Amino acid sequence: MTRYLISFDDGTMIIPEEELPAVSDAAHAVVQQAKDAGVWIFGGGVLAQRASIVASDGTVTAGPYPETKAVIGGFSIIDVDSHAQALEWAAKIAAACRCPQEVREIGADPDV
């Protein structure tokens, strides 16, 4: 099995406020489907768009500002047999969240 990161850019999820409950319900339903299928690892929305950057020497600075750089608005980590299956789950998430999703393979951890 291979793990994949499915994510969306914060600026692509533009939903009228009155439709948010329906989108939330649809997203939670897809997550439950992924859990039931045994492919769900972890995921969630990113609440704070201003990151803290920690350098290799431990120095902490304010991160990129959402106005100047694309930022992740939410993500899912799944564990599936193929890239094609990852794309299928991304399509379900895209439909539920009403925004395009990026799919990236996560490097394998030899200790897991």
N, C-alpha and C. Protein backbone atom coordinates (compact mmCIF):
# COMPACT_ATOMS: atom_id res chain seq x y z
N MET A 1 0.85 -1.18 0.00
CA MET A 1 0.00 0.00 0.00
C MET A 1 0.89 1.24 0.00
N THR A 2 0.38 2.29 -0.57
CA THR A 2 1.11 3.55 -0.69
C THR A 2 0.27 4.67 -0.10
N ARG A 3 0.92 5.56 0.60
CA ARG A 3 0.21 6.70 1.19
C ARG A 3 0.24 7.88 0.23
N TYR A 4 -0.87 8.59 0.22
CA TYR A 4 -1.01 9.77 -0.64
C TYR A 4 -1.54 10.94 0.17
N LEU A 5 -1.05 12.12 -0.18
CA LEU A 5 -1.55 13.38 0.36
C LEU A 5 -2.53 13.93 -0.67
N ILE A 6 -3.74 14.16 -0.25
CA ILE A 6 -4.75 14.81 -1.08
C ILE A 6 -5.03 16.15 -0.41
N SER A 7 -4.84 17.25 -1.13
CA SER A 7 -4.99 18.57 -0.50
C SER A 7 -5.60 19.56 -1.48
N PHE A 8 -6.05 20.67 -0.91
CA PHE A 8 -6.57 21.74 -1.76
C PHE A 8 -6.04 23.08 -1.28
N ASP A 9 -5.91 23.98 -2.25
CA ASP A 9 -5.46 25.34 -1.98
C ASP A 9 -6.59 26.10 -1.29
N ASP A 10 -6.25 26.84 -0.26
CA ASP A 10 -7.23 27.58 0.53
C ASP A 10 -8.10 28.50 -0.33
N GLY A 11 -7.53 29.07 -1.38
CA GLY A 11 -8.27 30.01 -2.21
C GLY A 11 -9.25 29.38 -3.18
N THR A 12 -9.24 28.04 -3.30
CA THR A 12 -10.13 27.40 -4.27
C THR A 12 -11.46 26.97 -3.67
N MET A 13 -11.57 26.96 -2.36
CA MET A 13 -12.81 26.52 -1.71
C MET A 13 -13.65 27.75 -1.36
N ILE A 14 -14.40 28.22 -2.34
CA ILE A 14 -15.24 29.40 -2.16
C ILE A 14 -16.69 28.94 -2.18
N ILE A 15 -17.28 28.91 -1.01
CA ILE A 15 -18.62 28.36 -0.85
C ILE A 15 -19.48 29.38 -0.11
N PRO A 16 -20.68 29.65 -0.62
CA PRO A 16 -21.57 30.55 0.11
C PRO A 16 -21.84 30.01 1.52
N GLU A 17 -21.92 30.91 2.48
CA GLU A 17 -22.07 30.51 3.88
C GLU A 17 -23.26 29.59 4.12
N GLU A 18 -24.35 29.84 3.42
CA GLU A 18 -25.54 29.02 3.64
C GLU A 18 -25.36 27.58 3.13
N GLU A 19 -24.34 27.33 2.29
CA GLU A 19 -24.09 26.00 1.77
C GLU A 19 -23.04 25.23 2.58
N LEU A 20 -22.39 25.90 3.52
CA LEU A 20 -21.34 25.25 4.31
C LEU A 20 -21.80 24.01 5.05
N PRO A 21 -22.98 24.01 5.67
CA PRO A 21 -23.40 22.77 6.36
C PRO A 21 -23.51 21.58 5.40
N ALA A 22 -24.02 21.79 4.20
CA ALA A 22 -24.13 20.69 3.24
C ALA A 22 -22.76 20.20 2.79
N VAL A 23 -21.83 21.12 2.60
CA VAL A 23 -20.47 20.74 2.21
C VAL A 23 -19.80 19.97 3.34
N SER A 24 -19.98 20.44 4.55
CA SER A 24 -19.42 19.75 5.72
C SER A 24 -19.97 18.33 5.83
N ASP A 25 -21.28 18.18 5.67
CA ASP A 25 -21.89 16.86 5.74
C ASP A 25 -21.34 15.94 4.64
N ALA A 26 -21.21 16.47 3.43
CA ALA A 26 -20.69 15.68 2.31
C ALA A 26 -19.24 15.27 2.55
N ALA A 27 -18.43 16.19 3.06
CA ALA A 27 -17.02 15.89 3.34
C ALA A 27 -16.90 14.83 4.43
N HIS A 28 -17.69 14.97 5.48
CA HIS A 28 -17.66 13.97 6.56
C HIS A 28 -18.12 12.60 6.07
N ALA A 29 -19.06 12.58 5.14
CA ALA A 29 -19.53 11.31 4.58
C ALA A 29 -18.41 10.62 3.79
N VAL A 30 -17.64 11.38 3.02
CA VAL A 30 -16.52 10.79 2.28
C VAL A 30 -15.46 10.27 3.24
N VAL A 31 -15.17 11.02 4.29
CA VAL A 31 -14.20 10.56 5.29
C VAL A 31 -14.68 9.25 5.91
N GLN A 32 -15.97 9.16 6.22
CA GLN A 32 -16.50 7.92 6.79
C GLN A 32 -16.37 6.77 5.80
N GLN A 33 -16.62 7.03 4.52
CA GLN A 33 -16.44 6.00 3.49
C GLN A 33 -15.00 5.51 3.46
N ALA A 34 -14.05 6.46 3.54
CA ALA A 34 -12.63 6.09 3.52
C ALA A 34 -12.26 5.29 4.77
N LYS A 35 -12.82 5.67 5.92
CA LYS A 35 -12.58 4.90 7.14
C LYS A 35 -13.15 3.49 7.01
N ASP A 36 -14.38 3.40 6.50
CA ASP A 36 -15.02 2.10 6.33
C ASP A 36 -14.25 1.22 5.36
N ALA A 37 -13.60 1.83 4.36
CA ALA A 37 -12.82 1.09 3.37
C ALA A 37 -11.42 0.74 3.89
N GLY A 38 -11.07 1.31 5.06
CA GLY A 38 -9.76 1.02 5.65
C GLY A 38 -8.61 1.76 5.01
N VAL A 39 -8.88 2.87 4.30
CA VAL A 39 -7.80 3.62 3.63
C VAL A 39 -7.48 4.94 4.32
N TRP A 40 -8.32 5.37 5.25
CA TRP A 40 -8.14 6.67 5.90
C TRP A 40 -7.01 6.60 6.91
N ILE A 41 -6.09 7.58 6.85
CA ILE A 41 -5.03 7.71 7.85
C ILE A 41 -5.30 8.92 8.73
N PHE A 42 -5.43 10.10 8.11
CA PHE A 42 -5.61 11.33 8.88
C PHE A 42 -5.97 12.45 7.92
N GLY A 43 -6.60 13.48 8.42
CA GLY A 43 -6.88 14.65 7.60
C GLY A 43 -7.59 15.72 8.40
N GLY A 44 -7.75 16.87 7.78
CA GLY A 44 -8.45 17.96 8.41
C GLY A 44 -8.24 19.27 7.68
N GLY A 45 -8.98 20.27 8.12
CA GLY A 45 -8.81 21.61 7.59
C GLY A 45 -7.70 22.32 8.33
N VAL A 46 -7.03 23.22 7.62
CA VAL A 46 -5.96 24.01 8.23
C VAL A 46 -6.58 25.32 8.69
N LEU A 47 -6.57 25.54 10.01
CA LEU A 47 -7.27 26.69 10.57
C LEU A 47 -6.46 27.98 10.54
N ALA A 48 -5.20 27.93 10.90
CA ALA A 48 -4.37 29.13 10.94
C ALA A 48 -3.55 29.21 9.65
N GLN A 49 -3.79 30.23 8.84
CA GLN A 49 -3.09 30.32 7.57
C GLN A 49 -1.75 31.04 7.68
N ARG A 50 -1.44 31.59 8.82
CA ARG A 50 -0.15 32.23 9.00
C ARG A 50 0.74 31.26 9.77
N ALA A 51 1.74 30.73 9.08
CA ALA A 51 2.60 29.70 9.66
C ALA A 51 3.74 30.32 10.45
N SER A 52 4.31 29.53 11.33
CA SER A 52 5.57 29.87 11.98
C SER A 52 6.64 29.02 11.29
N ILE A 53 7.73 29.64 10.91
CA ILE A 53 8.82 28.95 10.24
C ILE A 53 9.94 28.74 11.25
N VAL A 54 10.34 27.49 11.44
CA VAL A 54 11.42 27.16 12.36
C VAL A 54 12.62 26.73 11.52
N ALA A 55 13.70 27.51 11.58
CA ALA A 55 14.91 27.23 10.80
C ALA A 55 15.69 26.09 11.45
N SER A 56 16.66 25.58 10.73
CA SER A 56 17.46 24.46 11.24
C SER A 56 18.23 24.83 12.50
N ASP A 57 18.47 26.13 12.73
CA ASP A 57 19.15 26.55 13.95
C ASP A 57 18.18 26.85 15.09
N GLY A 58 16.88 26.63 14.85
CA GLY A 58 15.87 26.87 15.88
C GLY A 58 15.25 28.25 15.85
N THR A 59 15.73 29.14 15.00
CA THR A 59 15.17 30.48 14.88
C THR A 59 13.74 30.39 14.36
N VAL A 60 12.84 31.15 14.99
CA VAL A 60 11.44 31.15 14.59
C VAL A 60 11.09 32.50 13.99
N THR A 61 10.46 32.47 12.81
CA THR A 61 10.01 33.69 12.17
C THR A 61 8.57 33.49 11.71
N ALA A 62 7.90 34.61 11.43
CA ALA A 62 6.54 34.54 10.90
C ALA A 62 6.62 33.94 9.50
N GLY A 63 5.66 33.10 9.19
CA GLY A 63 5.67 32.40 7.92
C GLY A 63 5.07 33.19 6.79
N PRO A 64 4.84 32.52 5.69
CA PRO A 64 4.25 33.21 4.53
C PRO A 64 2.86 33.71 4.86
N TYR A 65 2.52 34.83 4.28
CA TYR A 65 1.21 35.41 4.49
C TYR A 65 0.26 34.91 3.41
N PRO A 66 -0.95 34.55 3.77
CA PRO A 66 -1.90 34.01 2.79
C PRO A 66 -2.11 34.92 1.58
N GLU A 67 -1.96 36.21 1.76
CA GLU A 67 -2.19 37.14 0.65
C GLU A 67 -1.11 37.03 -0.41
N THR A 68 0.05 36.48 -0.07
CA THR A 68 1.17 36.48 -1.00
C THR A 68 1.57 35.09 -1.47
N LYS A 69 0.99 34.05 -0.92
CA LYS A 69 1.42 32.70 -1.27
C LYS A 69 0.24 31.74 -1.12
N ALA A 70 0.18 30.78 -2.04
CA ALA A 70 -0.86 29.76 -1.92
C ALA A 70 -0.60 28.93 -0.67
N VAL A 71 -1.66 28.62 0.05
CA VAL A 71 -1.53 27.84 1.27
C VAL A 71 -2.53 26.69 1.25
N ILE A 72 -2.20 25.62 1.95
CA ILE A 72 -3.10 24.47 2.02
C ILE A 72 -4.29 24.80 2.90
N GLY A 73 -5.48 24.56 2.38
CA GLY A 73 -6.70 24.81 3.14
C GLY A 73 -7.18 23.58 3.89
N GLY A 74 -6.79 22.42 3.41
CA GLY A 74 -7.18 21.17 4.05
C GLY A 74 -6.48 20.02 3.37
N PHE A 75 -6.45 18.87 4.04
CA PHE A 75 -5.74 17.73 3.48
C PHE A 75 -6.29 16.43 4.02
N SER A 76 -5.99 15.38 3.29
CA SER A 76 -6.31 14.01 3.70
C SER A 76 -5.10 13.16 3.39
N ILE A 77 -4.83 12.19 4.26
CA ILE A 77 -3.79 11.21 4.00
C ILE A 77 -4.48 9.86 3.92
N ILE A 78 -4.29 9.18 2.80
CA ILE A 78 -4.91 7.87 2.61
C ILE A 78 -3.83 6.85 2.27
N ASP A 79 -4.15 5.59 2.44
CA ASP A 79 -3.24 4.49 2.16
C ASP A 79 -3.96 3.52 1.22
N VAL A 80 -3.56 3.51 -0.05
CA VAL A 80 -4.24 2.72 -1.07
C VAL A 80 -3.24 1.92 -1.90
N ASP A 81 -3.76 1.02 -2.72
CA ASP A 81 -2.91 0.14 -3.53
C ASP A 81 -2.30 0.81 -4.75
N SER A 82 -2.92 1.88 -5.26
CA SER A 82 -2.44 2.45 -6.51
C SER A 82 -2.73 3.94 -6.61
N HIS A 83 -2.02 4.58 -7.53
CA HIS A 83 -2.25 5.99 -7.83
C HIS A 83 -3.68 6.19 -8.35
N ALA A 84 -4.15 5.23 -9.14
CA ALA A 84 -5.52 5.30 -9.66
C ALA A 84 -6.54 5.34 -8.53
N GLN A 85 -6.33 4.53 -7.50
CA GLN A 85 -7.25 4.55 -6.35
C GLN A 85 -7.17 5.89 -5.62
N ALA A 86 -5.97 6.45 -5.51
CA ALA A 86 -5.83 7.76 -4.87
C ALA A 86 -6.61 8.81 -5.65
N LEU A 87 -6.56 8.73 -6.97
CA LEU A 87 -7.31 9.68 -7.80
C LEU A 87 -8.82 9.50 -7.62
N GLU A 88 -9.26 8.26 -7.44
CA GLU A 88 -10.69 8.01 -7.20
C GLU A 88 -11.14 8.66 -5.89
N TRP A 89 -10.34 8.52 -4.84
CA TRP A 89 -10.69 9.14 -3.56
C TRP A 89 -10.62 10.66 -3.68
N ALA A 90 -9.63 11.18 -4.40
CA ALA A 90 -9.53 12.63 -4.60
C ALA A 90 -10.77 13.16 -5.32
N ALA A 91 -11.29 12.40 -6.28
CA ALA A 91 -12.49 12.82 -6.99
C ALA A 91 -13.69 12.89 -6.04
N LYS A 92 -13.79 11.93 -5.12
CA LYS A 92 -14.88 11.95 -4.14
C LYS A 92 -14.75 13.16 -3.22
N ILE A 93 -13.53 13.43 -2.80
CA ILE A 93 -13.29 14.58 -1.91
C ILE A 93 -13.57 15.88 -2.66
N ALA A 94 -13.13 15.96 -3.92
CA ALA A 94 -13.36 17.17 -4.73
C ALA A 94 -14.86 17.45 -4.88
N ALA A 95 -15.63 16.40 -5.13
CA ALA A 95 -17.08 16.58 -5.28
C ALA A 95 -17.70 17.05 -3.96
N ALA A 96 -17.27 16.45 -2.85
CA ALA A 96 -17.83 16.82 -1.55
C ALA A 96 -17.45 18.23 -1.15
N CYS A 97 -16.21 18.60 -1.36
CA CYS A 97 -15.70 19.91 -0.94
C CYS A 97 -15.92 21.01 -1.98
N ARG A 98 -16.33 20.59 -3.18
CA ARG A 98 -16.60 21.52 -4.27
C ARG A 98 -15.38 22.33 -4.69
N CYS A 99 -14.23 21.66 -4.68
CA CYS A 99 -13.01 22.32 -5.15
C CYS A 99 -12.00 21.27 -5.61
N PRO A 100 -11.11 21.64 -6.53
CA PRO A 100 -10.13 20.68 -7.02
C PRO A 100 -9.17 20.24 -5.93
N GLN A 101 -8.64 19.03 -6.09
CA GLN A 101 -7.73 18.45 -5.11
C GLN A 101 -6.41 18.10 -5.79
N GLU A 102 -5.32 18.27 -5.09
CA GLU A 102 -4.00 17.85 -5.56
C GLU A 102 -3.70 16.49 -4.93
N VAL A 103 -3.06 15.62 -5.69
CA VAL A 103 -2.72 14.28 -5.21
C VAL A 103 -1.22 14.10 -5.33
N ARG A 104 -0.58 13.75 -4.22
CA ARG A 104 0.87 13.54 -4.20
C ARG A 104 1.19 12.30 -3.40
N GLU A 105 2.10 11.49 -3.94
CA GLU A 105 2.55 10.30 -3.23
C GLU A 105 3.48 10.71 -2.10
N ILE A 106 3.33 10.06 -0.96
CA ILE A 106 4.19 10.31 0.20
C ILE A 106 5.27 9.24 0.23
N GLY A 107 6.50 9.65 0.42
CA GLY A 107 7.61 8.70 0.49
C GLY A 107 7.39 7.68 1.60
N ALA A 108 7.74 6.45 1.30
CA ALA A 108 7.54 5.36 2.26
C ALA A 108 8.53 5.48 3.42
N ASP A 109 8.05 5.16 4.60
CA ASP A 109 8.88 5.09 5.78
C ASP A 109 9.25 3.62 5.97
N PRO A 110 10.53 3.27 5.86
CA PRO A 110 10.91 1.87 5.95
C PRO A 110 10.64 1.25 7.32
N ASP A 111 10.41 2.06 8.34
CA ASP A 111 10.16 1.54 9.68
C ASP A 111 8.68 1.29 9.96
N VAL A 112 7.82 1.62 9.01
CA VAL A 112 6.37 1.46 9.22
C VAL A 112 5.86 0.27 8.44
